All heavy atoms as atom14 arrays in JSON, in Angstrom:
{
  "sequence": "ENLLLPLQGRRAQFGAIIEERFRDTLAQFPVLAQNL",
  "atom14_mask": [
    [1, 1, 1, 1, 1, 1, 1, 1, 1, 0, 0, 0, 0, 0],
    [1, 1, 1, 1, 1, 1, 1, 1, 0, 0, 0, 0, 0, 0],
    [1, 1, 1, 1, 1, 1, 1, 1, 0, 0, 0, 0, 0, 0],
    [1, 1, 1, 1, 1, 1, 1, 1, 0, 0, 0, 0, 0, 0],
    [1, 1, 1, 1, 1, 1, 1, 1, 0, 0, 0, 0, 0, 0],
    [1, 1, 1, 1, 1, 1, 1, 0, 0, 0, 0, 0, 0, 0],
    [1, 1, 1, 1, 1, 1, 1, 1, 0, 0, 0, 0, 0, 0],
    [1, 1, 1, 1, 1, 1, 1, 1, 1, 0, 0, 0, 0, 0],
    [1, 1, 1, 1, 0, 0, 0, 0, 0, 0, 0, 0, 0, 0],
    [1, 1, 1, 1, 1, 1, 1, 1, 1, 1, 1, 0, 0, 0],
    [1, 1, 1, 1, 1, 1, 1, 1, 1, 1, 1, 0, 0, 0],
    [1, 1, 1, 1, 1, 0, 0, 0, 0, 0, 0, 0, 0, 0],
    [1, 1, 1, 1, 1, 1, 1, 1, 1, 0, 0, 0, 0, 0],
    [1, 1, 1, 1, 1, 1, 1, 1, 1, 1, 1, 0, 0, 0],
    [1, 1, 1, 1, 0, 0, 0, 0, 0, 0, 0, 0, 0, 0],
    [1, 1, 1, 1, 1, 0, 0, 0, 0, 0, 0, 0, 0, 0],
    [1, 1, 1, 1, 1, 1, 1, 1, 0, 0, 0, 0, 0, 0],
    [1, 1, 1, 1, 1, 1, 1, 1, 0, 0, 0, 0, 0, 0],
    [1, 1, 1, 1, 1, 1, 1, 1, 1, 0, 0, 0, 0, 0],
    [1, 1, 1, 1, 1, 1, 1, 1, 1, 0, 0, 0, 0, 0],
    [1, 1, 1, 1, 1, 1, 1, 1, 1, 1, 1, 0, 0, 0],
    [1, 1, 1, 1, 1, 1, 1, 1, 1, 1, 1, 0, 0, 0],
    [1, 1, 1, 1, 1, 1, 1, 1, 1, 1, 1, 0, 0, 0],
    [1, 1, 1, 1, 1, 1, 1, 1, 0, 0, 0, 0, 0, 0],
    [1, 1, 1, 1, 1, 1, 1, 0, 0, 0, 0, 0, 0, 0],
    [1, 1, 1, 1, 1, 1, 1, 1, 0, 0, 0, 0, 0, 0],
    [1, 1, 1, 1, 1, 0, 0, 0, 0, 0, 0, 0, 0, 0],
    [1, 1, 1, 1, 1, 1, 1, 1, 1, 0, 0, 0, 0, 0],
    [1, 1, 1, 1, 1, 1, 1, 1, 1, 1, 1, 0, 0, 0],
    [1, 1, 1, 1, 1, 1, 1, 0, 0, 0, 0, 0, 0, 0],
    [1, 1, 1, 1, 1, 1, 1, 0, 0, 0, 0, 0, 0, 0],
    [1, 1, 1, 1, 1, 1, 1, 1, 0, 0, 0, 0, 0, 0],
    [1, 1, 1, 1, 1, 0, 0, 0, 0, 0, 0, 0, 0, 0],
    [1, 1, 1, 1, 1, 1, 1, 1, 1, 0, 0, 0, 0, 0],
    [1, 1, 1, 1, 1, 1, 1, 1, 0, 0, 0, 0, 0, 0],
    [1, 1, 1, 1, 1, 1, 1, 1, 0, 0, 0, 0, 0, 0]
  ],
  "atom14_positions": [
    [[12.49, -6.53, 3.75], [12.06, -6.57, 2.35], [10.57, -6.86, 2.24], [9.87, -6.27, 1.4], [12.89, -7.61, 1.58], [14.33, -7.19, 1.39], [15.21, -8.34, 0.91], [14.92, -9.52, 1.23], [16.21, -8.06, 0.23], [0.0, 0.0, 0.0], [0.0, 0.0, 0.0], [0.0, 0.0, 0.0], [0.0, 0.0, 0.0], [0.0, 0.0, 0.0]],
    [[10.07, -7.77, 3.08], [8.63, -8.06, 3.06], [7.82, -6.84, 3.44], [6.76, -6.58, 2.86], [8.32, -9.22, 4.01], [8.39, -10.58, 3.34], [7.46, -11.02, 2.67], [9.53, -11.25, 3.5], [0.0, 0.0, 0.0], [0.0, 0.0, 0.0], [0.0, 0.0, 0.0], [0.0, 0.0, 0.0], [0.0, 0.0, 0.0], [0.0, 0.0, 0.0]],
    [[8.29, -6.08, 4.42], [7.56, -4.9, 4.87], [7.52, -3.81, 3.79], [6.48, -3.16, 3.6], [8.22, -4.32, 6.13], [7.89, -5.0, 7.46], [8.71, -4.4, 8.58], [6.41, -4.88, 7.77], [0.0, 0.0, 0.0], [0.0, 0.0, 0.0], [0.0, 0.0, 0.0], [0.0, 0.0, 0.0], [0.0, 0.0, 0.0], [0.0, 0.0, 0.0]],
    [[8.62, -3.63, 3.1], [8.71, -2.54, 2.13], [8.1, -2.88, 0.78], [7.72, -1.98, 0.03], [10.18, -2.13, 1.94], [10.85, -1.46, 3.14], [12.34, -1.27, 2.88], [10.19, -0.12, 3.44], [0.0, 0.0, 0.0], [0.0, 0.0, 0.0], [0.0, 0.0, 0.0], [0.0, 0.0, 0.0], [0.0, 0.0, 0.0], [0.0, 0.0, 0.0]],
    [[7.98, -4.18, 0.5], [7.57, -4.6, -0.84], [6.24, -4.0, -1.31], [6.14, -3.54, -2.45], [7.52, -6.13, -0.89], [7.39, -6.76, -2.28], [8.57, -6.37, -3.15], [7.3, -8.29, -2.16], [0.0, 0.0, 0.0], [0.0, 0.0, 0.0], [0.0, 0.0, 0.0], [0.0, 0.0, 0.0], [0.0, 0.0, 0.0], [0.0, 0.0, 0.0]],
    [[5.19, -3.96, -0.48], [3.91, -3.44, -0.99], [3.96, -1.98, -1.43], [3.16, -1.56, -2.27], [2.96, -3.61, 0.22], [3.58, -4.67, 1.05], [5.05, -4.48, 0.89], [0.0, 0.0, 0.0], [0.0, 0.0, 0.0], [0.0, 0.0, 0.0], [0.0, 0.0, 0.0], [0.0, 0.0, 0.0], [0.0, 0.0, 0.0], [0.0, 0.0, 0.0]],
    [[4.9, -1.21, -0.85], [4.96, 0.21, -1.17], [6.06, 0.56, -2.17], [6.05, 1.65, -2.74], [5.17, 1.04, 0.11], [4.11, 0.89, 1.2], [4.36, 1.89, 2.31], [2.71, 1.1, 0.63], [0.0, 0.0, 0.0], [0.0, 0.0, 0.0], [0.0, 0.0, 0.0], [0.0, 0.0, 0.0], [0.0, 0.0, 0.0], [0.0, 0.0, 0.0]],
    [[7.02, -0.35, -2.38], [8.16, -0.02, -3.24], [7.72, 0.33, -4.65], [8.27, 1.25, -5.27], [9.15, -1.2, -3.28], [9.92, -1.41, -2.0], [11.0, -0.37, -1.76], [10.94, 0.74, -2.29], [12.0, -0.71, -0.97], [0.0, 0.0, 0.0], [0.0, 0.0, 0.0], [0.0, 0.0, 0.0], [0.0, 0.0, 0.0], [0.0, 0.0, 0.0]],
    [[6.75, -0.39, -5.17], [6.28, -0.1, -6.53], [5.29, 1.04, -6.59], [4.76, 1.34, -7.67], [0.0, 0.0, 0.0], [0.0, 0.0, 0.0], [0.0, 0.0, 0.0], [0.0, 0.0, 0.0], [0.0, 0.0, 0.0], [0.0, 0.0, 0.0], [0.0, 0.0, 0.0], [0.0, 0.0, 0.0], [0.0, 0.0, 0.0], [0.0, 0.0, 0.0]],
    [[5.06, 1.67, -5.46], [4.07, 2.75, -5.39], [4.69, 4.02, -4.82], [4.04, 4.8, -4.12], [2.87, 2.31, -4.55], [2.14, 1.12, -5.15], [1.09, 0.57, -4.24], [0.3, -0.45, -4.93], [0.7, -1.71, -5.07], [1.85, -2.12, -4.56], [-0.05, -2.59, -5.72], [0.0, 0.0, 0.0], [0.0, 0.0, 0.0], [0.0, 0.0, 0.0]],
    [[5.98, 4.23, -5.11], [6.67, 5.4, -4.57], [6.04, 6.7, -5.07], [6.06, 7.71, -4.37], [8.16, 5.36, -4.91], [8.92, 4.35, -4.06], [10.42, 4.53, -4.13], [11.08, 3.66, -3.16], [11.34, 3.98, -1.91], [10.98, 5.18, -1.46], [11.95, 3.15, -1.1], [0.0, 0.0, 0.0], [0.0, 0.0, 0.0], [0.0, 0.0, 0.0]],
    [[5.5, 6.67, -6.29], [4.84, 7.88, -6.79], [3.63, 8.23, -5.94], [3.28, 9.41, -5.77], [4.41, 7.68, -8.24], [0.0, 0.0, 0.0], [0.0, 0.0, 0.0], [0.0, 0.0, 0.0], [0.0, 0.0, 0.0], [0.0, 0.0, 0.0], [0.0, 0.0, 0.0], [0.0, 0.0, 0.0], [0.0, 0.0, 0.0], [0.0, 0.0, 0.0]],
    [[2.97, 7.21, -5.38], [1.79, 7.42, -4.56], [2.15, 7.76, -3.11], [1.55, 8.64, -2.5], [0.9, 6.17, -4.58], [-0.37, 6.27, -3.74], [-1.2, 4.98, -3.8], [-0.89, 4.07, -4.56], [-2.24, 4.92, -2.99], [0.0, 0.0, 0.0], [0.0, 0.0, 0.0], [0.0, 0.0, 0.0], [0.0, 0.0, 0.0], [0.0, 0.0, 0.0]],
    [[3.16, 7.04, -2.56], [3.47, 7.2, -1.15], [4.68, 8.09, -0.89], [4.82, 8.68, 0.19], [3.68, 5.82, -0.52], [2.43, 5.01, -0.43], [2.11, 4.08, -1.41], [1.55, 5.17, 0.61], [0.95, 3.32, -1.33], [0.39, 4.42, 0.71], [0.09, 3.5, -0.28], [0.0, 0.0, 0.0], [0.0, 0.0, 0.0], [0.0, 0.0, 0.0]],
    [[5.62, 8.15, -1.86], [6.73, 9.09, -1.79], [7.52, 9.04, -0.5], [7.92, 7.98, -0.02], [0.0, 0.0, 0.0], [0.0, 0.0, 0.0], [0.0, 0.0, 0.0], [0.0, 0.0, 0.0], [0.0, 0.0, 0.0], [0.0, 0.0, 0.0], [0.0, 0.0, 0.0], [0.0, 0.0, 0.0], [0.0, 0.0, 0.0], [0.0, 0.0, 0.0]],
    [[7.7, 10.23, 0.08], [8.59, 10.38, 1.22], [8.05, 9.73, 2.49], [8.81, 9.55, 3.45], [8.85, 11.86, 1.49], [0.0, 0.0, 0.0], [0.0, 0.0, 0.0], [0.0, 0.0, 0.0], [0.0, 0.0, 0.0], [0.0, 0.0, 0.0], [0.0, 0.0, 0.0], [0.0, 0.0, 0.0], [0.0, 0.0, 0.0], [0.0, 0.0, 0.0]],
    [[6.78, 9.37, 2.53], [6.23, 8.83, 3.77], [6.61, 7.36, 3.98], [6.36, 6.82, 5.05], [4.69, 8.97, 3.83], [4.02, 8.05, 2.8], [4.26, 10.41, 3.64], [2.52, 7.96, 2.98], [0.0, 0.0, 0.0], [0.0, 0.0, 0.0], [0.0, 0.0, 0.0], [0.0, 0.0, 0.0], [0.0, 0.0, 0.0], [0.0, 0.0, 0.0]],
    [[7.23, 6.74, 2.98], [7.58, 5.32, 3.12], [8.52, 5.12, 4.3], [8.3, 4.25, 5.15], [8.19, 4.77, 1.83], [7.12, 4.71, 0.72], [8.77, 3.37, 2.07], [7.63, 4.18, -0.59], [0.0, 0.0, 0.0], [0.0, 0.0, 0.0], [0.0, 0.0, 0.0], [0.0, 0.0, 0.0], [0.0, 0.0, 0.0], [0.0, 0.0, 0.0]],
    [[9.57, 5.93, 4.37], [10.53, 5.77, 5.47], [9.89, 6.08, 6.81], [10.16, 5.42, 7.82], [11.76, 6.67, 5.22], [12.58, 6.28, 4.0], [13.03, 4.81, 4.06], [13.39, 4.34, 5.16], [13.0, 4.14, 3.02], [0.0, 0.0, 0.0], [0.0, 0.0, 0.0], [0.0, 0.0, 0.0], [0.0, 0.0, 0.0], [0.0, 0.0, 0.0]],
    [[9.03, 7.09, 6.83], [8.32, 7.44, 8.06], [7.41, 6.3, 8.49], [7.37, 5.93, 9.68], [7.51, 8.71, 7.85], [6.71, 9.15, 9.06], [5.86, 10.37, 8.78], [6.15, 11.1, 7.79], [4.9, 10.6, 9.53], [0.0, 0.0, 0.0], [0.0, 0.0, 0.0], [0.0, 0.0, 0.0], [0.0, 0.0, 0.0], [0.0, 0.0, 0.0]],
    [[6.69, 5.72, 7.54], [5.83, 4.57, 7.84], [6.66, 3.39, 8.36], [6.24, 2.69, 9.28], [5.07, 4.14, 6.59], [3.99, 5.08, 6.13], [2.61, 4.6, 6.6], [1.58, 5.44, 6.02], [0.86, 5.13, 4.96], [1.09, 3.98, 4.34], [-0.05, 5.96, 4.51], [0.0, 0.0, 0.0], [0.0, 0.0, 0.0], [0.0, 0.0, 0.0]],
    [[7.81, 3.19, 7.74], [8.66, 2.07, 8.12], [9.11, 2.21, 9.57], [9.02, 1.26, 10.35], [9.86, 2.0, 7.17], [10.76, 0.81, 7.41], [10.29, -0.49, 7.19], [12.06, 0.97, 7.84], [11.11, -1.59, 7.4], [12.88, -0.13, 8.05], [12.41, -1.4, 7.83], [0.0, 0.0, 0.0], [0.0, 0.0, 0.0], [0.0, 0.0, 0.0]],
    [[9.57, 3.4, 9.94], [10.01, 3.62, 11.33], [8.85, 3.46, 12.3], [9.0, 2.85, 13.37], [10.62, 5.03, 11.46], [11.96, 5.19, 10.76], [12.63, 6.48, 11.18], [11.84, 7.64, 10.77], [11.98, 8.28, 9.62], [12.87, 7.84, 8.73], [11.24, 9.33, 9.33], [0.0, 0.0, 0.0], [0.0, 0.0, 0.0], [0.0, 0.0, 0.0]],
    [[7.7, 3.98, 11.94], [6.52, 3.87, 12.79], [6.12, 2.41, 12.97], [5.76, 1.97, 14.07], [5.38, 4.69, 12.19], [4.13, 4.69, 13.08], [4.28, 4.53, 14.31], [3.02, 4.83, 12.53], [0.0, 0.0, 0.0], [0.0, 0.0, 0.0], [0.0, 0.0, 0.0], [0.0, 0.0, 0.0], [0.0, 0.0, 0.0], [0.0, 0.0, 0.0]],
    [[6.17, 1.66, 11.88], [5.77, 0.24, 11.94], [6.7, -0.55, 12.86], [6.25, -1.38, 13.66], [5.78, -0.37, 10.53], [4.84, 0.33, 9.71], [5.41, -1.85, 10.57], [0.0, 0.0, 0.0], [0.0, 0.0, 0.0], [0.0, 0.0, 0.0], [0.0, 0.0, 0.0], [0.0, 0.0, 0.0], [0.0, 0.0, 0.0], [0.0, 0.0, 0.0]],
    [[8.0, -0.3, 12.76], [8.95, -1.0, 13.63], [8.73, -0.63, 15.1], [8.9, -1.47, 15.99], [10.38, -0.69, 13.21], [10.8, -1.21, 11.84], [12.27, -0.93, 11.59], [10.51, -2.7, 11.69], [0.0, 0.0, 0.0], [0.0, 0.0, 0.0], [0.0, 0.0, 0.0], [0.0, 0.0, 0.0], [0.0, 0.0, 0.0], [0.0, 0.0, 0.0]],
    [[8.31, 0.61, 15.34], [8.02, 1.03, 16.71], [6.78, 0.3, 17.25], [6.71, -0.06, 18.44], [7.81, 2.54, 16.78], [0.0, 0.0, 0.0], [0.0, 0.0, 0.0], [0.0, 0.0, 0.0], [0.0, 0.0, 0.0], [0.0, 0.0, 0.0], [0.0, 0.0, 0.0], [0.0, 0.0, 0.0], [0.0, 0.0, 0.0], [0.0, 0.0, 0.0]],
    [[5.82, 0.04, 16.37], [4.59, -0.65, 16.76], [4.79, -2.16, 16.87], [4.08, -2.83, 17.63], [3.48, -0.35, 15.76], [3.12, 1.12, 15.62], [2.53, 1.69, 16.88], [1.91, 0.99, 17.68], [2.74, 2.99, 17.1], [0.0, 0.0, 0.0], [0.0, 0.0, 0.0], [0.0, 0.0, 0.0], [0.0, 0.0, 0.0], [0.0, 0.0, 0.0]],
    [[5.75, -2.7, 16.11], [6.02, -4.14, 16.1], [7.49, -4.38, 16.44], [8.29, -4.76, 15.58], [5.7, -4.73, 14.72], [4.25, -4.68, 14.33], [3.69, -3.54, 13.77], [3.42, -5.79, 14.54], [2.36, -3.49, 13.41], [2.08, -5.75, 14.18], [1.54, -4.59, 13.62], [0.0, 0.0, 0.0], [0.0, 0.0, 0.0], [0.0, 0.0, 0.0]],
    [[7.86, -4.17, 17.71], [9.28, -4.27, 18.09], [9.9, -5.65, 17.84], [11.1, -5.75, 17.6], [9.27, -3.92, 19.59], [7.86, -4.1, 20.04], [7.01, -3.8, 18.85], [0.0, 0.0, 0.0], [0.0, 0.0, 0.0], [0.0, 0.0, 0.0], [0.0, 0.0, 0.0], [0.0, 0.0, 0.0], [0.0, 0.0, 0.0], [0.0, 0.0, 0.0]],
    [[9.09, -6.71, 17.88], [9.65, -8.04, 17.63], [10.2, -8.12, 16.22], [11.18, -8.86, 15.97], [8.58, -9.13, 17.86], [7.46, -9.06, 16.82], [9.21, -10.52, 17.85], [0.0, 0.0, 0.0], [0.0, 0.0, 0.0], [0.0, 0.0, 0.0], [0.0, 0.0, 0.0], [0.0, 0.0, 0.0], [0.0, 0.0, 0.0], [0.0, 0.0, 0.0]],
    [[9.64, -7.38, 15.29], [10.15, -7.37, 13.92], [11.41, -6.51, 13.81], [12.31, -6.82, 13.02], [9.07, -6.86, 12.96], [7.78, -7.68, 12.93], [6.79, -7.09, 11.94], [8.06, -9.14, 12.59], [0.0, 0.0, 0.0], [0.0, 0.0, 0.0], [0.0, 0.0, 0.0], [0.0, 0.0, 0.0], [0.0, 0.0, 0.0], [0.0, 0.0, 0.0]],
    [[11.46, -5.44, 14.58], [12.65, -4.58, 14.56], [13.88, -5.36, 15.0], [15.0, -5.08, 14.56], [12.43, -3.37, 15.47], [0.0, 0.0, 0.0], [0.0, 0.0, 0.0], [0.0, 0.0, 0.0], [0.0, 0.0, 0.0], [0.0, 0.0, 0.0], [0.0, 0.0, 0.0], [0.0, 0.0, 0.0], [0.0, 0.0, 0.0], [0.0, 0.0, 0.0]],
    [[13.67, -6.35, 15.85], [14.78, -7.16, 16.33], [15.19, -8.25, 15.34], [16.2, -8.93, 15.54], [14.39, -7.81, 17.66], [14.05, -6.83, 18.77], [13.3, -7.48, 19.92], [13.23, -8.71, 20.02], [12.73, -6.67, 20.8], [0.0, 0.0, 0.0], [0.0, 0.0, 0.0], [0.0, 0.0, 0.0], [0.0, 0.0, 0.0], [0.0, 0.0, 0.0]],
    [[14.4, -8.42, 14.29], [14.66, -9.52, 13.34], [14.64, -9.04, 11.89], [14.3, -9.82, 10.99], [13.59, -10.61, 13.52], [13.7, -11.32, 14.85], [14.53, -12.2, 15.03], [12.84, -10.94, 15.8], [0.0, 0.0, 0.0], [0.0, 0.0, 0.0], [0.0, 0.0, 0.0], [0.0, 0.0, 0.0], [0.0, 0.0, 0.0], [0.0, 0.0, 0.0]],
    [[15.01, -7.8, 11.66], [14.87, -7.21, 10.32], [15.61, -7.98, 9.25], [15.14, -8.07, 8.11], [15.37, -5.76, 10.33], [14.37, -4.68, 10.71], [15.03, -3.31, 10.62], [13.15, -4.73, 9.81], [0.0, 0.0, 0.0], [0.0, 0.0, 0.0], [0.0, 0.0, 0.0], [0.0, 0.0, 0.0], [0.0, 0.0, 0.0], [0.0, 0.0, 0.0]]
  ]
}
């Protein structure tokens, strides 16, 4: 929820890339992927 919060209110601006960004971020920060 903390990761998604900055973009949730900006879906019109970021649109479909939110999920792509989310997956990429978890790949870059694996310690967070283990503690979602």
